[in-house]
Amino acid sequence: MLRAYDDGNIFGEPYGEGPVRVVWLHGWCRRGRDFDKCASTLADRGVASVAFDLPGFGASPLPTVAGGARHYATLMVGPLRELAQDRLILVGHSFGGRIATVLAATHPELVAGVVLTGAPILRTSQSGPPPLRFRVIRALHRRGVIGEKRMEAARQRFGSTDYRNASGLLRDVLVANVNESYEDELARITAPVAMVWGELDTEVPVAVAQRAQQLIHSEHSLRVVNSVGHLLPREAPMELVIEVEKLLG
């Protein structure tokens, strides 16, 4: 059953009894229930955890202002402090991995270890400016030459699937995330970092994790899971359980 945290600003699903030791942070347009198999397995083994619905997704209301993963990390500090009787293991998939990376760098007192999977923590070589035609339309829109209807048509034509599906504040959050990269945060992490990547992840290729390894100074590892894509928490949940249990000792 979902429980409210931070005075109802964030909701999460608790698993197991006793002190919470693991926190699950889901991907963009996903929900905490992506980790149901992982969390249930650990609960059966005596490890309590919470799978959050991040602000704007699932049961959690939108944040009051737009911001990227760095902003979302500040929103998660309160709920983590509510849970933490000791430092926590953070498991972050995709967007949630961005947030976990920032939290580990900025609040080491809360984080005992990090598990990342499919997390776009570094920009890829494919990242670049939007097509010229879109930039021209955007510039004309900003000057009031063309209207919102034509601007939205351009967004739908040239934007990514996530961008086309988002609207309002969530679209602004997405744009903020696309413009973030986390070299500085990766270098500042002091907790152990385990990266588990799907071999077939085309959204965030294994090369991103390999580059991230070169920036992490703390203990770290990378394991690639064959025949698995971007949604590793659903496709191969036991792979995350293995890494969490290693970090728990």
C-alpha atoms as a PDB file:
ATOM      1  CA  MET A   1       0.000   0.000   0.000  1.00  0.00           C
ATOM      2  CA  LEU A   2       1.319   3.431  -0.945  1.00  0.00           C
ATOM      3  CA  ARG A   3       2.422   5.689   1.875  1.00  0.00           C
ATOM      4  CA  ALA A   4       2.822   9.478   1.881  1.00  0.00           C
ATOM      5  CA  TYR A   5       6.200  11.058   2.598  1.00  0.00           C
ATOM      6  CA  ASP A   6       7.325  14.660   2.914  1.00  0.00           C
ATOM      7  CA  ASP A   7       3.868  15.840   3.992  1.00  0.00           C
ATOM      8  CA  GLY A   8       2.205  14.201   0.995  1.00  0.00           C
ATOM      9  CA  ASN A   9       4.522  15.601  -1.669  1.00  0.00           C
ATOM     10  CA  ILE A  10       5.888  12.154  -2.542  1.00  0.00           C
ATOM     11  CA  PHE A  11       4.383   8.669  -2.327  1.00  0.00           C
ATOM     12  CA  GLY A  12       6.168   5.364  -2.077  1.00  0.00           C
ATOM     13  CA  GLU A  13       5.463   1.654  -1.638  1.00  0.00           C
ATOM     14  CA  PRO A  14       7.096   0.122   1.461  1.00  0.00           C
ATOM     15  CA  TYR A  15       8.289  -3.494   1.260  1.00  0.00           C
ATOM     16  CA  GLY A  16       9.229  -5.652   4.231  1.00  0.00           C
ATOM     17  CA  GLU A  17       9.485  -5.012   7.939  1.00  0.00           C
ATOM     18  CA  GLY A  18      12.080  -3.213  10.018  1.00  0.00           C
ATOM     19  CA  PRO A  19      14.489  -0.387   9.181  1.00  0.00           C
ATOM     20  CA  VAL A  20      14.511   0.581   5.503  1.00  0.00           C
ATOM     21  CA  ARG A  21      17.859  -0.168   3.881  1.00  0.00           C
ATOM     22  CA  VAL A  22      17.123   0.242   0.151  1.00  0.00           C
ATOM     23  CA  VAL A  23      15.401   2.956  -1.912  1.00  0.00           C
ATOM     24  CA  TRP A  24      14.253   2.405  -5.507  1.00  0.00           C
ATOM     25  CA  LEU A  25      14.109   5.338  -7.972  1.00  0.00           C
ATOM     26  CA  HIS A  26      12.358   4.667 -11.287  1.00  0.00           C
ATOM     27  CA  GLY A  27      12.837   5.921 -14.839  1.00  0.00           C
ATOM     28  CA  TRP A  28      11.108   8.642 -16.823  1.00  0.00           C
ATOM     29  CA  CYS A  29       7.347   8.103 -17.191  1.00  0.00           C
ATOM     30  CA  ARG A  30       7.618   4.946 -15.075  1.00  0.00           C
ATOM     31  CA  ARG A  31       6.534   4.136 -11.506  1.00  0.00           C
ATOM     32  CA  GLY A  32       8.012   2.635  -8.389  1.00  0.00           C
ATOM     33  CA  ARG A  33       6.190  -0.605  -9.102  1.00  0.00           C
ATOM     34  CA  ASP A  34       8.810  -1.327 -11.778  1.00  0.00           C
ATOM     35  CA  PHE A  35      10.850  -2.643  -8.857  1.00  0.00           C
ATOM     36  CA  ASP A  36       8.110  -4.832  -7.378  1.00  0.00           C
ATOM     37  CA  LYS A  37       9.905  -8.119  -8.076  1.00  0.00           C
ATOM     38  CA  CYS A  38      13.224  -6.799  -6.771  1.00  0.00           C
ATOM     39  CA  ALA A  39      11.735  -5.313  -3.620  1.00  0.00           C
ATOM     40  CA  SER A  40       9.501  -8.312  -2.892  1.00  0.00           C
ATOM     41  CA  THR A  41      12.446 -10.681  -3.211  1.00  0.00           C
ATOM     42  CA  LEU A  42      14.532  -8.645  -0.791  1.00  0.00           C
ATOM     43  CA  ALA A  43      11.595  -8.350   1.617  1.00  0.00           C
ATOM     44  CA  ASP A  44      11.326 -12.157   1.668  1.00  0.00           C
ATOM     45  CA  ARG A  45      15.021 -12.183   2.612  1.00  0.00           C
ATOM     46  CA  GLY A  46      14.522  -9.750   5.481  1.00  0.00           C
ATOM     47  CA  VAL A  47      15.539  -6.501   3.758  1.00  0.00           C
ATOM     48  CA  ALA A  48      13.041  -3.619   3.930  1.00  0.00           C
ATOM     49  CA  SER A  49      12.866  -1.037   1.148  1.00  0.00           C
ATOM     50  CA  VAL A  50      10.717   1.706  -0.377  1.00  0.00           C
ATOM     51  CA  ALA A  51       9.946   2.179  -4.083  1.00  0.00           C
ATOM     52  CA  PHE A  52       9.061   5.815  -4.690  1.00  0.00           C
ATOM     53  CA  ASP A  53       6.836   7.345  -7.336  1.00  0.00           C
ATOM     54  CA  LEU A  54       8.949  10.353  -8.267  1.00  0.00           C
ATOM     55  CA  PRO A  55       7.237  13.779  -8.352  1.00  0.00           C
ATOM     56  CA  GLY A  56       4.945  14.054 -11.363  1.00  0.00           C
ATOM     57  CA  PHE A  57       4.653  10.303 -11.884  1.00  0.00           C
ATOM     58  CA  GLY A  58       2.350   7.658 -10.471  1.00  0.00           C
ATOM     59  CA  ALA A  59       0.716   8.810  -7.241  1.00  0.00           C
ATOM     60  CA  SER A  60       3.134  11.676  -6.557  1.00  0.00           C
ATOM     61  CA  PRO A  61       2.009  15.202  -7.495  1.00  0.00           C
ATOM     62  CA  LEU A  62       3.998  17.434  -9.814  1.00  0.00           C
ATOM     63  CA  PRO A  63       6.770  19.509  -8.295  1.00  0.00           C
ATOM     64  CA  THR A  64       5.960  23.172  -7.898  1.00  0.00           C
ATOM     65  CA  VAL A  65       8.781  24.269 -10.212  1.00  0.00           C
ATOM     66  CA  ALA A  66      10.573  22.590 -13.107  1.00  0.00           C
ATOM     67  CA  GLY A  67      14.119  21.335 -12.765  1.00  0.00           C
ATOM     68  CA  GLY A  68      16.360  18.463 -13.753  1.00  0.00           C
ATOM     69  CA  ALA A  69      17.711  15.594 -11.688  1.00  0.00           C
ATOM     70  CA  ARG A  70      19.674  17.998  -9.517  1.00  0.00           C
ATOM     71  CA  HIS A  71      16.396  19.645  -8.498  1.00  0.00           C
ATOM     72  CA  TYR A  72      14.693  16.277  -8.044  1.00  0.00           C
ATOM     73  CA  ALA A  73      17.529  15.195  -5.768  1.00  0.00           C
ATOM     74  CA  THR A  74      16.760  18.104  -3.450  1.00  0.00           C
ATOM     75  CA  LEU A  75      13.110  16.989  -3.403  1.00  0.00           C
ATOM     76  CA  MET A  76      14.173  13.493  -2.305  1.00  0.00           C
ATOM     77  CA  VAL A  77      16.371  14.545   0.608  1.00  0.00           C
ATOM     78  CA  GLY A  78      13.420  14.999   2.987  1.00  0.00           C
ATOM     79  CA  PRO A  79      11.877  11.566   2.311  1.00  0.00           C
ATOM     80  CA  LEU A  80      15.285   9.891   2.600  1.00  0.00           C
ATOM     81  CA  ARG A  81      15.880  11.541   5.956  1.00  0.00           C
ATOM     82  CA  GLU A  82      12.479  10.250   7.104  1.00  0.00           C
ATOM     83  CA  LEU A  83      13.576   6.710   6.252  1.00  0.00           C
ATOM     84  CA  ALA A  84      17.220   6.674   7.198  1.00  0.00           C
ATOM     85  CA  GLN A  85      18.074   4.991  10.480  1.00  0.00           C
ATOM     86  CA  ASP A  86      21.348   4.223   8.755  1.00  0.00           C
ATOM     87  CA  ARG A  87      22.756   5.091   5.341  1.00  0.00           C
ATOM     88  CA  LEU A  88      20.757   3.725   2.418  1.00  0.00           C
ATOM     89  CA  ILE A  89      21.413   1.809  -0.782  1.00  0.00           C
ATOM     90  CA  LEU A  90      19.986   3.788  -3.715  1.00  0.00           C
ATOM     91  CA  VAL A  91      18.933   1.899  -6.842  1.00  0.00           C
ATOM     92  CA  GLY A  92      18.284   4.161  -9.817  1.00  0.00           C
ATOM     93  CA  HIS A  93      16.970   3.210 -13.235  1.00  0.00           C
ATOM     94  CA  SER A  94      17.289   5.700 -16.111  1.00  0.00           C
ATOM     95  CA  PHE A  95      16.034   9.086 -14.791  1.00  0.00           C
ATOM     96  CA  GLY A  96      16.163   7.658 -11.271  1.00  0.00           C
ATOM     97  CA  GLY A  97      19.838   6.866 -11.835  1.00  0.00           C
ATOM     98  CA  ARG A  98      20.522  10.528 -12.516  1.00  0.00           C
ATOM     99  CA  ILE A  99      18.885  11.398  -9.196  1.00  0.00           C
ATOM    100  CA  ALA A 100      20.741   8.662  -7.298  1.00  0.00           C
ATOM    101  CA  THR A 101      24.048   9.920  -8.718  1.00  0.00           C
ATOM    102  CA  VAL A 102      23.381  13.472  -7.547  1.00  0.00           C
ATOM    103  CA  LEU A 103      22.223  12.321  -4.100  1.00  0.00           C
ATOM    104  CA  ALA A 104      25.315  10.165  -3.597  1.00  0.00           C
ATOM    105  CA  ALA A 105      27.558  13.105  -4.502  1.00  0.00           C
ATOM    106  CA  THR A 106      25.760  15.781  -2.492  1.00  0.00           C
ATOM    107  CA  HIS A 107      24.521  13.816   0.531  1.00  0.00           C
ATOM    108  CA  PRO A 108      27.084  11.108   1.299  1.00  0.00           C
ATOM    109  CA  GLU A 109      25.795  10.957   4.870  1.00  0.00           C
ATOM    110  CA  LEU A 110      22.598   9.360   3.514  1.00  0.00           C
ATOM    111  CA  VAL A 111      24.084   6.950   0.975  1.00  0.00           C
ATOM    112  CA  ALA A 112      25.866   3.651   1.679  1.00  0.00           C
ATOM    113  CA  GLY A 113      25.977   2.530  -1.939  1.00  0.00           C
ATOM    114  CA  VAL A 114      24.500   3.094  -5.392  1.00  0.00           C
ATOM    115  CA  VAL A 115      23.219   0.699  -8.050  1.00  0.00           C
ATOM    116  CA  LEU A 116      22.719   2.263 -11.478  1.00  0.00           C
ATOM    117  CA  THR A 117      21.053   0.719 -14.516  1.00  0.00           C
ATOM    118  CA  GLY A 118      20.322   2.359 -17.867  1.00  0.00           C
ATOM    119  CA  ALA A 119      21.092   5.762 -16.382  1.00  0.00           C
ATOM    120  CA  PRO A 120      21.869   8.637 -18.810  1.00  0.00           C
ATOM    121  CA  ILE A 121      24.494  10.127 -16.510  1.00  0.00           C
ATOM    122  CA  LEU A 122      26.664  11.352 -19.373  1.00  0.00           C
ATOM    123  CA  ARG A 123      25.712  12.834 -22.704  1.00  0.00           C
ATOM    124  CA  THR A 124      26.174  10.568 -25.692  1.00  0.00           C
ATOM    125  CA  SER A 125      27.843  11.458 -28.960  1.00  0.00           C
ATOM    126  CA  GLN A 126      24.355  11.592 -30.511  1.00  0.00           C
ATOM    127  CA  SER A 127      23.455  14.502 -28.257  1.00  0.00           C
ATOM    128  CA  GLY A 128      23.439  17.793 -30.097  1.00  0.00           C
ATOM    129  CA  PRO A 129      21.371  20.840 -31.028  1.00  0.00           C
ATOM    130  CA  PRO A 130      17.871  20.382 -32.474  1.00  0.00           C
ATOM    131  CA  PRO A 131      17.474  20.454 -36.268  1.00  0.00           C
ATOM    132  CA  LEU A 132      17.990  23.863 -37.873  1.00  0.00           C
ATOM    133  CA  ARG A 133      14.371  24.126 -39.006  1.00  0.00           C
ATOM    134  CA  PHE A 134      13.124  23.597 -35.453  1.00  0.00           C
ATOM    135  CA  ARG A 135      15.539  26.213 -34.111  1.00  0.00           C
ATOM    136  CA  VAL A 136      14.322  28.725 -36.686  1.00  0.00           C
ATOM    137  CA  ILE A 137      10.667  28.097 -35.795  1.00  0.00           C
ATOM    138  CA  ARG A 138      11.501  28.350 -32.089  1.00  0.00           C
ATOM    139  CA  ALA A 139      13.290  31.660 -32.599  1.00  0.00           C
ATOM    140  CA  LEU A 140      10.346  33.064 -34.571  1.00  0.00           C
ATOM    141  CA  HIS A 141       7.946  31.870 -31.866  1.00  0.00           C
ATOM    142  CA  ARG A 142       9.962  33.626 -29.176  1.00  0.00           C
ATOM    143  CA  ARG A 143       9.727  36.847 -31.189  1.00  0.00           C
ATOM    144  CA  GLY A 144       5.971  36.457 -31.608  1.00  0.00           C
ATOM    145  CA  VAL A 145       6.165  35.946 -35.365  1.00  0.00           C
ATOM    146  CA  ILE A 146       4.458  32.537 -35.284  1.00  0.00           C
ATOM    147  CA  GLY A 147       1.820  31.281 -32.874  1.00  0.00           C
ATOM    148  CA  GLU A 148       1.712  28.537 -30.268  1.00  0.00           C
ATOM    149  CA  LYS A 149      -0.207  26.163 -32.541  1.00  0.00           C
ATOM    150  CA  ARG A 150       2.559  26.085 -35.141  1.00  0.00           C
ATOM    151  CA  MET A 151       5.213  25.889 -32.411  1.00  0.00           C
ATOM    152  CA  GLU A 152       3.532  22.849 -30.872  1.00  0.00           C
ATOM    153  CA  ALA A 153       3.300  21.204 -34.304  1.00  0.00           C
ATOM    154  CA  ALA A 154       7.069  21.652 -34.630  1.00  0.00           C
ATOM    155  CA  ARG A 155       7.607  20.160 -31.171  1.00  0.00           C
ATOM    156  CA  GLN A 156       5.535  17.139 -32.138  1.00  0.00           C
ATOM    157  CA  ARG A 157       7.429  16.707 -35.404  1.00  0.00           C
ATOM    158  CA  PHE A 158      10.991  17.195 -34.208  1.00  0.00           C
ATOM    159  CA  GLY A 159      10.869  16.235 -30.530  1.00  0.00           C
ATOM    160  CA  SER A 160      11.747  12.848 -29.021  1.00  0.00           C
ATOM    161  CA  THR A 161       9.002  10.417 -28.051  1.00  0.00           C
ATOM    162  CA  ASP A 162       9.341  11.457 -24.400  1.00  0.00           C
ATOM    163  CA  TYR A 163       9.170  15.124 -25.386  1.00  0.00           C
ATOM    164  CA  ARG A 164       6.069  14.621 -27.539  1.00  0.00           C
ATOM    165  CA  ASN A 165       4.335  12.716 -24.750  1.00  0.00           C
ATOM    166  CA  ALA A 166       5.144  15.291 -22.083  1.00  0.00           C
ATOM    167  CA  SER A 167       3.346  18.567 -21.580  1.00  0.00           C
ATOM    168  CA  GLY A 168       3.328  21.533 -19.266  1.00  0.00           C
ATOM    169  CA  LEU A 169       5.698  21.400 -16.323  1.00  0.00           C
ATOM    170  CA  LEU A 170       6.827  17.842 -17.055  1.00  0.00           C
ATOM    171  CA  ARG A 171       8.019  18.921 -20.489  1.00  0.00           C
ATOM    172  CA  ASP A 172      10.092  21.640 -18.820  1.00  0.00           C
ATOM    173  CA  VAL A 173      11.493  19.028 -16.418  1.00  0.00           C
ATOM    174  CA  LEU A 174      12.444  16.831 -19.361  1.00  0.00           C
ATOM    175  CA  VAL A 175      14.221  19.686 -21.132  1.00  0.00           C
ATOM    176  CA  ALA A 176      16.152  20.487 -17.957  1.00  0.00           C
ATOM    177  CA  ASN A 177      17.245  16.854 -17.691  1.00  0.00           C
ATOM    178  CA  VAL A 178      18.407  16.638 -21.289  1.00  0.00           C
ATOM    179  CA  ASN A 179      20.720  19.574 -20.646  1.00  0.00           C
ATOM    180  CA  GLU A 180      22.366  18.017 -17.577  1.00  0.00           C
ATOM    181  CA  SER A 181      25.462  15.821 -17.438  1.00  0.00           C
ATOM    182  CA  TYR A 182      27.011  14.509 -14.247  1.00  0.00           C
ATOM    183  CA  GLU A 183      30.789  14.355 -14.618  1.00  0.00           C
ATOM    184  CA  ASP A 184      31.308  16.417 -11.452  1.00  0.00           C
ATOM    185  CA  GLU A 185      28.894  14.336  -9.381  1.00  0.00           C
ATOM    186  CA  LEU A 186      30.415  11.036 -10.510  1.00  0.00           C
ATOM    187  CA  ALA A 187      33.863  12.219  -9.439  1.00  0.00           C
ATOM    188  CA  ARG A 188      32.563  13.264  -6.002  1.00  0.00           C
ATOM    189  CA  ILE A 189      30.850   9.993  -5.047  1.00  0.00           C
ATOM    190  CA  THR A 190      32.534   8.268  -2.107  1.00  0.00           C
ATOM    191  CA  ALA A 191      30.145   5.310  -1.720  1.00  0.00           C
ATOM    192  CA  PRO A 192      30.561   2.106  -3.748  1.00  0.00           C
ATOM    193  CA  VAL A 193      28.862   2.178  -7.154  1.00  0.00           C
ATOM    194  CA  ALA A 194      27.590  -0.916  -8.982  1.00  0.00           C
ATOM    195  CA  MET A 195      26.450  -0.506 -12.568  1.00  0.00           C
ATOM    196  CA  VAL A 196      24.261  -3.178 -14.192  1.00  0.00           C
ATOM    197  CA  TRP A 197      23.487  -2.588 -17.864  1.00  0.00           C
ATOM    198  CA  GLY A 198      21.398  -4.367 -20.454  1.00  0.00           C
ATOM    199  CA  GLU A 199      23.490  -5.493 -23.395  1.00  0.00           C
ATOM    200  CA  LEU A 200      20.699  -4.422 -25.759  1.00  0.00           C
ATOM    201  CA  ASP A 201      19.999  -1.037 -24.174  1.00  0.00           C
ATOM    202  CA  THR A 202      19.723   1.338 -27.132  1.00  0.00           C
ATOM    203  CA  GLU A 203      18.351   4.264 -25.099  1.00  0.00           C
ATOM    204  CA  VAL A 204      21.439   4.450 -22.885  1.00  0.00           C
ATOM    205  CA  PRO A 205      24.160   2.276 -24.413  1.00  0.00           C
ATOM    206  CA  VAL A 206      26.705   0.359 -22.362  1.00  0.00           C
ATOM    207  CA  ALA A 207      29.321   2.841 -23.596  1.00  0.00           C
ATOM    208  CA  VAL A 208      27.814   5.436 -21.224  1.00  0.00           C
ATOM    209  CA  ALA A 209      28.533   3.208 -18.233  1.00  0.00           C
ATOM    210  CA  GLN A 210      32.021   2.457 -19.524  1.00  0.00           C
ATOM    211  CA  ARG A 211      32.777   6.181 -19.758  1.00  0.00           C
ATOM    212  CA  ALA A 212      31.328   6.768 -16.303  1.00  0.00           C
ATOM    213  CA  GLN A 213      33.688   4.163 -14.838  1.00  0.00           C
ATOM    214  CA  GLN A 214      36.620   6.385 -15.779  1.00  0.00           C
ATOM    215  CA  LEU A 215      35.223   9.241 -13.664  1.00  0.00           C
ATOM    216  CA  ILE A 216      34.294   7.367 -10.476  1.00  0.00           C
ATOM    217  CA  HIS A 217      36.996   7.373  -7.805  1.00  0.00           C
ATOM    218  CA  SER A 218      35.182   5.213  -5.259  1.00  0.00           C
ATOM    219  CA  GLU A 219      34.902   1.425  -5.451  1.00  0.00           C
ATOM    220  CA  HIS A 220      32.904   0.570  -8.562  1.00  0.00           C
ATOM    221  CA  SER A 221      31.948  -2.212 -10.946  1.00  0.00           C
ATOM    222  CA  LEU A 222      30.137  -2.726 -14.242  1.00  0.00           C
ATOM    223  CA  ARG A 223      28.291  -5.875 -15.244  1.00  0.00           C
ATOM    224  CA  VAL A 224      26.582  -6.253 -18.634  1.00  0.00           C
ATOM    225  CA  VAL A 225      23.551  -8.566 -18.792  1.00  0.00           C
ATOM    226  CA  ASN A 226      23.152 -10.418 -22.063  1.00  0.00           C
ATOM    227  CA  SER A 227      19.908 -10.232 -24.079  1.00  0.00           C
ATOM    228  CA  VAL A 228      18.418  -7.492 -21.876  1.00  0.00           C
ATOM    229  CA  GLY A 229      17.369  -4.002 -22.978  1.00  0.00           C
ATOM    230  CA  HIS A 230      16.688  -0.705 -21.229  1.00  0.00           C
ATOM    231  CA  LEU A 231      13.962  -1.938 -18.855  1.00  0.00           C
ATOM    232  CA  LEU A 232      16.269  -4.161 -16.839  1.00  0.00           C
ATOM    233  CA  PRO A 233      14.266  -3.764 -13.588  1.00  0.00           C
ATOM    234  CA  ARG A 234      11.365  -5.533 -15.305  1.00  0.00           C
ATOM    235  CA  GLU A 235      13.304  -7.815 -17.666  1.00  0.00           C
ATOM    236  CA  ALA A 236      15.976  -9.052 -15.246  1.00  0.00           C
ATOM    237  CA  PRO A 237      15.087  -7.949 -11.694  1.00  0.00           C
ATOM    238  CA  MET A 238      17.278 -10.527  -9.994  1.00  0.00           C
ATOM    239  CA  GLU A 239      20.357  -8.869 -11.471  1.00  0.00           C
ATOM    240  CA  LEU A 240      19.606  -5.810  -9.332  1.00  0.00           C
ATOM    241  CA  VAL A 241      18.940  -7.944  -6.280  1.00  0.00           C
ATOM    242  CA  ILE A 242      22.392  -9.523  -6.669  1.00  0.00           C
ATOM    243  CA  GLU A 243      24.107  -6.118  -6.687  1.00  0.00           C
ATOM    244  CA  VAL A 244      22.081  -4.773  -3.768  1.00  0.00           C
ATOM    245  CA  GLU A 245      22.939  -7.801  -1.657  1.00  0.00           C
ATOM    246  CA  LYS A 246      26.641  -7.349  -2.455  1.00  0.00           C
ATOM    247  CA  LEU A 247      26.480  -3.769  -1.216  1.00  0.00           C
ATOM    248  CA  LEU A 248      24.556  -4.772   1.890  1.00  0.00           C
ATOM    249  CA  GLY A 249      27.264  -7.313   2.669  1.00  0.00           C
END
